[in-house]
Amino acid sequence: MPRSELGQLRYQEQDSRLTLEQGLDEYCEANPGRVNPTTTSTAALGSYLANHDISHVVFGTTTSLRGEILQDTWTFLAVDVSATQYVRDFIKEEEGKQIMADALSWGAIPVLVGLVWNLPRLAWRSSRMHKKWPWKGWEPYLDVPLADIRREFGIRIL
């Protein structure tokens, strides 16, 4: 899988010329063990995971524990979904509860402490965005290069 000079995936480059769909393909290829939104037991969880994964691509985050915490923070600050709805829609499904339980561990503590250093940057970058990324209704952007999406919304990835 091609990587940038910094060793990151191409969708993680600020000025990536990949379209959103190509970025999603790269993200999925790099994360084969992830829950596939199309094979979950409920349509609601599948929709949630698709929205979440698209957000990973748009904001250039990984699926490491640190990346997930950063992405959740981006979502609370820069996506047009309420924190209540975001959490409620995830944990109301048994698969969502299991994913959450698997992610939470003592290993999360250092990552959460590290978030303290990134939170001001995330808050600043979110406040500088021109508009929030849509939680739903992002499909018209699938053929748009990530660089153009990030420019339109004012997204500066970390």
C-alpha atoms as a PDB file:
ATOM      1  CA  MET A   1       0.000   0.000   0.000  1.00  0.00           C
ATOM      2  CA  PRO A   2       1.554   3.342  -1.032  1.00  0.00           C
ATOM      3  CA  ARG A   3       2.514   5.630   1.819  1.00  0.00           C
ATOM      4  CA  SER A   4       3.649   9.237   1.925  1.00  0.00           C
ATOM      5  CA  GLU A   5       7.220  10.291   2.658  1.00  0.00           C
ATOM      6  CA  LEU A   6       6.231  10.492   6.330  1.00  0.00           C
ATOM      7  CA  GLY A   7       5.120   6.847   6.351  1.00  0.00           C
ATOM      8  CA  GLN A   8       1.454   7.681   6.693  1.00  0.00           C
ATOM      9  CA  LEU A   9      -1.337   6.555   4.430  1.00  0.00           C
ATOM     10  CA  ARG A  10      -2.197   8.885   1.571  1.00  0.00           C
ATOM     11  CA  TYR A  11      -5.644   9.759   2.989  1.00  0.00           C
ATOM     12  CA  GLN A  12      -3.821  11.195   6.013  1.00  0.00           C
ATOM     13  CA  GLU A  13      -2.000  13.834   3.956  1.00  0.00           C
ATOM     14  CA  GLN A  14      -3.511  17.298   4.368  1.00  0.00           C
ATOM     15  CA  ASP A  15      -3.539  17.909   0.608  1.00  0.00           C
ATOM     16  CA  SER A  16      -4.347  14.350  -0.470  1.00  0.00           C
ATOM     17  CA  ARG A  17      -5.615  14.154  -4.056  1.00  0.00           C
ATOM     18  CA  LEU A  18      -7.439  10.898  -3.287  1.00  0.00           C
ATOM     19  CA  THR A  19     -11.191  11.234  -3.540  1.00  0.00           C
ATOM     20  CA  LEU A  20     -13.183  10.506  -0.403  1.00  0.00           C
ATOM     21  CA  GLU A  21     -14.128   7.133  -1.881  1.00  0.00           C
ATOM     22  CA  GLN A  22     -10.497   6.292  -2.695  1.00  0.00           C
ATOM     23  CA  GLY A  23      -9.492   7.381   0.804  1.00  0.00           C
ATOM     24  CA  LEU A  24     -12.170   5.122   2.270  1.00  0.00           C
ATOM     25  CA  ASP A  25     -10.898   2.230   0.149  1.00  0.00           C
ATOM     26  CA  GLU A  26      -7.352   2.843   1.418  1.00  0.00           C
ATOM     27  CA  TYR A  27      -8.616   3.098   5.013  1.00  0.00           C
ATOM     28  CA  CYS A  28     -10.536  -0.185   4.693  1.00  0.00           C
ATOM     29  CA  GLU A  29      -7.568  -1.944   3.073  1.00  0.00           C
ATOM     30  CA  ALA A  30      -5.296  -0.779   5.903  1.00  0.00           C
ATOM     31  CA  ASN A  31      -7.773  -1.979   8.552  1.00  0.00           C
ATOM     32  CA  PRO A  32      -9.000  -5.425   7.455  1.00  0.00           C
ATOM     33  CA  GLY A  33      -9.934  -6.489  10.989  1.00  0.00           C
ATOM     34  CA  ARG A  34     -12.411  -3.642  11.464  1.00  0.00           C
ATOM     35  CA  VAL A  35     -16.101  -4.329  11.770  1.00  0.00           C
ATOM     36  CA  ASN A  36     -17.549  -4.045   8.290  1.00  0.00           C
ATOM     37  CA  PRO A  37     -20.561  -1.704   8.311  1.00  0.00           C
ATOM     38  CA  THR A  38     -22.285  -3.876   5.720  1.00  0.00           C
ATOM     39  CA  THR A  39     -22.020  -7.082   7.779  1.00  0.00           C
ATOM     40  CA  THR A  40     -23.183  -5.920  11.184  1.00  0.00           C
ATOM     41  CA  SER A  41     -26.294  -7.464  12.655  1.00  0.00           C
ATOM     42  CA  THR A  42     -28.288  -4.232  12.444  1.00  0.00           C
ATOM     43  CA  ALA A  43     -28.662  -1.548   9.816  1.00  0.00           C
ATOM     44  CA  ALA A  44     -28.429   1.118  12.542  1.00  0.00           C
ATOM     45  CA  LEU A  45     -24.965  -0.007  13.657  1.00  0.00           C
ATOM     46  CA  GLY A  46     -23.854  -0.398  10.028  1.00  0.00           C
ATOM     47  CA  SER A  47     -24.921   3.176   9.299  1.00  0.00           C
ATOM     48  CA  TYR A  48     -23.184   4.412  12.447  1.00  0.00           C
ATOM     49  CA  LEU A  49     -19.920   2.644  11.520  1.00  0.00           C
ATOM     50  CA  ALA A  50     -20.034   3.942   7.932  1.00  0.00           C
ATOM     51  CA  ASN A  51     -20.446   7.525   9.202  1.00  0.00           C
ATOM     52  CA  HIS A  52     -17.660   6.983  11.735  1.00  0.00           C
ATOM     53  CA  ASP A  53     -15.254   5.469   9.197  1.00  0.00           C
ATOM     54  CA  ILE A  54     -15.887   8.265   6.686  1.00  0.00           C
ATOM     55  CA  SER A  55     -15.029  10.729   9.460  1.00  0.00           C
ATOM     56  CA  HIS A  56     -11.718   8.922  10.038  1.00  0.00           C
ATOM     57  CA  VAL A  57     -10.848   9.496   6.387  1.00  0.00           C
ATOM     58  CA  VAL A  58     -11.954  13.148   6.293  1.00  0.00           C
ATOM     59  CA  PHE A  59     -10.034  14.034   9.474  1.00  0.00           C
ATOM     60  CA  GLY A  60      -7.045  11.817   8.606  1.00  0.00           C
ATOM     61  CA  THR A  61      -7.068   9.719  11.770  1.00  0.00           C
ATOM     62  CA  THR A  62      -5.997   6.120  12.299  1.00  0.00           C
ATOM     63  CA  THR A  63      -7.746   3.263  14.062  1.00  0.00           C
ATOM     64  CA  SER A  64      -5.193   2.958  16.845  1.00  0.00           C
ATOM     65  CA  LEU A  65      -6.589   3.649  20.312  1.00  0.00           C
ATOM     66  CA  ARG A  66      -5.059   7.134  20.109  1.00  0.00           C
ATOM     67  CA  GLY A  67      -6.606   7.639  16.647  1.00  0.00           C
ATOM     68  CA  GLU A  68     -10.028   6.518  17.877  1.00  0.00           C
ATOM     69  CA  ILE A  69      -9.916   8.910  20.821  1.00  0.00           C
ATOM     70  CA  LEU A  70      -8.795  11.746  18.553  1.00  0.00           C
ATOM     71  CA  GLN A  71     -11.565  10.886  16.086  1.00  0.00           C
ATOM     72  CA  ASP A  72     -14.215  10.828  18.804  1.00  0.00           C
ATOM     73  CA  THR A  73     -12.980  14.232  19.956  1.00  0.00           C
ATOM     74  CA  TRP A  74     -13.069  15.575  16.387  1.00  0.00           C
ATOM     75  CA  THR A  75     -16.607  14.203  16.109  1.00  0.00           C
ATOM     76  CA  PHE A  76     -17.803  15.949  19.275  1.00  0.00           C
ATOM     77  CA  LEU A  77     -16.272  19.243  18.130  1.00  0.00           C
ATOM     78  CA  ALA A  78     -16.445  19.275  14.333  1.00  0.00           C
ATOM     79  CA  VAL A  79     -19.222  16.974  13.102  1.00  0.00           C
ATOM     80  CA  ASP A  80     -22.904  17.873  13.030  1.00  0.00           C
ATOM     81  CA  VAL A  81     -24.005  15.130  15.440  1.00  0.00           C
ATOM     82  CA  SER A  82     -24.652  15.652  19.132  1.00  0.00           C
ATOM     83  CA  ALA A  83     -22.438  13.827  21.614  1.00  0.00           C
ATOM     84  CA  THR A  84     -25.552  12.244  23.116  1.00  0.00           C
ATOM     85  CA  GLN A  85     -26.744  10.865  19.789  1.00  0.00           C
ATOM     86  CA  TYR A  86     -23.230   9.740  18.838  1.00  0.00           C
ATOM     87  CA  VAL A  87     -22.761   7.710  22.022  1.00  0.00           C
ATOM     88  CA  ARG A  88     -26.378   6.522  22.329  1.00  0.00           C
ATOM     89  CA  ASP A  89     -26.520   5.202  18.761  1.00  0.00           C
ATOM     90  CA  PHE A  90     -23.328   3.226  19.315  1.00  0.00           C
ATOM     91  CA  ILE A  91     -23.953   1.638  22.700  1.00  0.00           C
ATOM     92  CA  LYS A  92     -27.604   0.763  22.138  1.00  0.00           C
ATOM     93  CA  GLU A  93     -26.438  -2.151  19.972  1.00  0.00           C
ATOM     94  CA  GLU A  94     -24.814  -5.224  21.559  1.00  0.00           C
ATOM     95  CA  GLU A  95     -21.983  -5.162  19.000  1.00  0.00           C
ATOM     96  CA  GLY A  96     -21.353  -1.524  19.885  1.00  0.00           C
ATOM     97  CA  LYS A  97     -21.173  -2.356  23.587  1.00  0.00           C
ATOM     98  CA  GLN A  98     -18.697  -5.155  22.841  1.00  0.00           C
ATOM     99  CA  ILE A  99     -16.495  -2.903  20.684  1.00  0.00           C
ATOM    100  CA  MET A 100     -16.512  -0.313  23.482  1.00  0.00           C
ATOM    101  CA  ALA A 101     -15.643  -2.917  26.128  1.00  0.00           C
ATOM    102  CA  ASP A 102     -12.791  -4.258  23.989  1.00  0.00           C
ATOM    103  CA  ALA A 103     -11.364  -0.744  23.510  1.00  0.00           C
ATOM    104  CA  LEU A 104     -11.502   0.305  27.141  1.00  0.00           C
ATOM    105  CA  SER A 105      -8.599  -0.975  29.152  1.00  0.00           C
ATOM    106  CA  TRP A 106      -5.821   0.216  31.408  1.00  0.00           C
ATOM    107  CA  GLY A 107      -3.846   0.884  28.238  1.00  0.00           C
ATOM    108  CA  ALA A 108      -6.272   3.693  27.454  1.00  0.00           C
ATOM    109  CA  ILE A 109      -5.122   5.771  30.412  1.00  0.00           C
ATOM    110  CA  PRO A 110      -1.837   7.015  28.860  1.00  0.00           C
ATOM    111  CA  VAL A 111      -3.668   7.746  25.612  1.00  0.00           C
ATOM    112  CA  LEU A 112      -6.307   9.762  27.462  1.00  0.00           C
ATOM    113  CA  VAL A 113      -3.584  11.667  29.309  1.00  0.00           C
ATOM    114  CA  GLY A 114      -1.974  12.394  25.932  1.00  0.00           C
ATOM    115  CA  LEU A 115      -5.285  13.774  24.705  1.00  0.00           C
ATOM    116  CA  VAL A 116      -4.864  16.610  27.193  1.00  0.00           C
ATOM    117  CA  TRP A 117      -2.032  17.917  24.976  1.00  0.00           C
ATOM    118  CA  ASN A 118      -4.049  17.567  21.772  1.00  0.00           C
ATOM    119  CA  LEU A 119      -7.390  18.855  23.039  1.00  0.00           C
ATOM    120  CA  PRO A 120      -6.525  22.574  22.751  1.00  0.00           C
ATOM    121  CA  ARG A 121      -5.272  22.021  19.185  1.00  0.00           C
ATOM    122  CA  LEU A 122      -8.388  20.067  18.263  1.00  0.00           C
ATOM    123  CA  ALA A 123     -10.636  22.697  19.820  1.00  0.00           C
ATOM    124  CA  TRP A 124      -8.790  25.507  18.009  1.00  0.00           C
ATOM    125  CA  ARG A 125      -8.855  23.737  14.652  1.00  0.00           C
ATOM    126  CA  SER A 126     -12.524  22.847  15.065  1.00  0.00           C
ATOM    127  CA  SER A 127     -13.431  26.441  15.891  1.00  0.00           C
ATOM    128  CA  ARG A 128     -11.619  27.597  12.727  1.00  0.00           C
ATOM    129  CA  MET A 129     -13.632  25.309  10.445  1.00  0.00           C
ATOM    130  CA  HIS A 130     -15.989  27.025   7.996  1.00  0.00           C
ATOM    131  CA  LYS A 131     -18.747  24.507   8.700  1.00  0.00           C
ATOM    132  CA  LYS A 132     -19.146  21.156  10.424  1.00  0.00           C
ATOM    133  CA  TRP A 133     -18.676  17.905   8.563  1.00  0.00           C
ATOM    134  CA  PRO A 134     -22.038  16.120   8.023  1.00  0.00           C
ATOM    135  CA  TRP A 135     -22.582  12.971  10.087  1.00  0.00           C
ATOM    136  CA  LYS A 136     -25.152  11.877   7.504  1.00  0.00           C
ATOM    137  CA  GLY A 137     -25.517  12.941   3.898  1.00  0.00           C
ATOM    138  CA  TRP A 138     -21.799  12.855   2.983  1.00  0.00           C
ATOM    139  CA  GLU A 139     -22.386  10.679  -0.099  1.00  0.00           C
ATOM    140  CA  PRO A 140     -22.220  13.644  -2.572  1.00  0.00           C
ATOM    141  CA  TYR A 141     -18.585  14.091  -1.488  1.00  0.00           C
ATOM    142  CA  LEU A 142     -17.464  10.571  -2.471  1.00  0.00           C
ATOM    143  CA  ASP A 143     -16.007  11.778  -5.806  1.00  0.00           C
ATOM    144  CA  VAL A 144     -14.424  14.921  -4.337  1.00  0.00           C
ATOM    145  CA  PRO A 145     -10.675  14.981  -3.560  1.00  0.00           C
ATOM    146  CA  LEU A 146      -9.911  15.046   0.153  1.00  0.00           C
ATOM    147  CA  ALA A 147      -7.823  18.214  -0.294  1.00  0.00           C
ATOM    148  CA  ASP A 148     -10.893  19.996  -1.710  1.00  0.00           C
ATOM    149  CA  ILE A 149     -13.160  18.718   1.073  1.00  0.00           C
ATOM    150  CA  ARG A 150     -10.705  19.846   3.725  1.00  0.00           C
ATOM    151  CA  ARG A 151     -10.385  23.244   2.069  1.00  0.00           C
ATOM    152  CA  GLU A 152     -14.186  23.651   1.805  1.00  0.00           C
ATOM    153  CA  PHE A 153     -14.751  22.784   5.469  1.00  0.00           C
ATOM    154  CA  GLY A 154     -11.567  24.363   6.812  1.00  0.00           C
ATOM    155  CA  ILE A 155     -10.227  21.071   8.165  1.00  0.00           C
ATOM    156  CA  ARG A 156      -6.576  21.007   9.251  1.00  0.00           C
ATOM    157  CA  ILE A 157      -5.668  17.446  10.179  1.00  0.00           C
ATOM    158  CA  LEU A 158      -3.293  16.768  13.074  1.00  0.00           C
END
